[in-house]
Protein backbone atom coordinates (compact mmCIF):
# COMPACT_ATOMS: atom_id res chain seq x y z
CA MET A 1 0.09 0.12 -0.21
CA PRO A 2 1.35 3.18 -0.75
CA ALA A 3 2.37 5.95 1.84
CA THR A 4 -0.11 8.75 2.46
CA VAL A 5 0.60 12.14 3.33
CA THR A 6 -2.23 13.16 6.18
CA LEU A 7 -3.57 16.42 5.83
CA SER A 8 -6.32 16.73 8.35
CA SER A 9 -8.73 14.77 10.21
CA THR A 10 -12.71 14.22 10.80
CA THR A 11 -14.99 11.39 11.84
CA LEU A 12 -17.75 9.42 10.20
CA LYS A 13 -21.15 11.12 11.00
CA THR A 14 -23.15 7.60 10.14
CA ALA A 15 -21.96 4.14 9.92
CA ALA A 16 -20.69 3.05 6.66
CA GLY A 17 -21.39 -0.81 5.31
CA ALA A 18 -18.71 -2.05 3.00
CA SER A 19 -20.35 -1.55 -0.07
CA ASP A 20 -21.42 1.90 0.65
CA THR A 21 -20.13 4.18 -1.99
CA SER A 22 -20.83 7.40 -0.42
CA VAL A 23 -19.53 8.06 3.33
CA GLN A 24 -21.00 10.92 5.53
CA VAL A 25 -18.47 12.69 7.50
CA SER A 26 -18.45 15.64 10.45
CA SER A 27 -16.67 18.13 8.15
CA VAL A 28 -15.60 18.29 4.41
CA SER A 29 -13.08 21.14 5.03
CA GLY A 30 -10.58 20.79 2.68
CA LEU A 31 -11.87 17.65 0.78
CA VAL A 32 -11.35 17.64 -3.15
CA PRO A 33 -11.62 14.82 -5.61
CA GLY A 34 -8.44 12.62 -5.49
CA LEU A 35 -7.84 12.83 -1.82
CA ARG A 36 -8.05 9.52 0.33
CA LEU A 37 -9.45 8.63 3.51
CA PHE A 38 -8.07 6.42 5.98
CA VAL A 39 -10.43 4.84 7.81
CA ASP A 40 -9.73 1.75 10.27
CA GLY A 41 -6.92 0.15 7.83
CA GLU A 42 -9.24 1.09 4.60
CA LEU A 43 -8.27 3.69 1.79
CA MET A 44 -10.99 5.45 0.04
CA ALA A 45 -10.33 7.72 -2.83
CA VAL A 46 -12.86 10.85 -2.92
CA THR A 47 -14.46 10.92 -6.27
CA SER A 48 -16.56 13.76 -5.55
CA LEU A 49 -18.48 15.64 -3.16
CA GLY A 50 -22.27 15.29 -2.35
CA LEU A 51 -24.76 17.11 -0.52
CA GLY A 52 -23.97 18.57 2.86
CA THR A 53 -21.13 16.45 4.25
CA TRP A 54 -21.74 13.35 1.90
CA VAL A 55 -18.44 12.22 0.25
CA ASN A 56 -18.75 9.99 -2.79
CA VAL A 57 -15.72 7.54 -2.61
CA ARG A 58 -14.06 4.34 -4.24
CA ARG A 59 -13.98 1.80 -1.44
CA GLY A 60 -10.95 -0.40 -0.75
CA VAL A 61 -8.47 1.55 -2.95
CA ASP A 62 -4.56 0.72 -3.12
CA GLY A 63 -4.53 -2.96 -1.84
CA SER A 64 -6.66 -1.90 1.10
CA ALA A 65 -10.05 -4.06 1.75
CA ALA A 66 -13.48 -2.18 1.82
CA ALA A 67 -15.11 -2.82 5.07
CA ALA A 68 -17.85 -1.52 7.28
CA HIS A 69 -17.10 1.33 9.78
CA PRO A 70 -19.13 2.64 12.96
CA ALA A 71 -20.42 6.15 13.67
CA MET A 72 -17.69 8.78 14.96
CA ALA A 73 -14.78 6.26 13.25
CA SER A 74 -11.65 8.52 13.12
CA VAL A 75 -11.29 9.70 9.52
CA PHE A 76 -7.58 10.80 8.34
CA ILE A 77 -7.59 12.85 5.18
CA GLY A 78 -4.65 12.79 2.94
CA ARG A 79 -3.10 12.26 -0.57
CA ALA A 80 -1.78 9.53 -2.16
CA ASP A 81 1.99 9.62 -1.88
């Protein structure tokens, strides 16, 4: 898995299922397409921003596995190295 440079962090506002293609975070500040979200060992690629604090993502990128995550899980925002 490539290294990721962490830019900031937030939390999941709602739980995310392993097959969800959108996740809701507490803050979208600084999020743009192309960044990575790192949650409990899974990397997600931000594809676009949705309404409010919803983020559209590609799950299980860079060799990680898509998994379910509980509400309030830490989300580290970074860019692929």
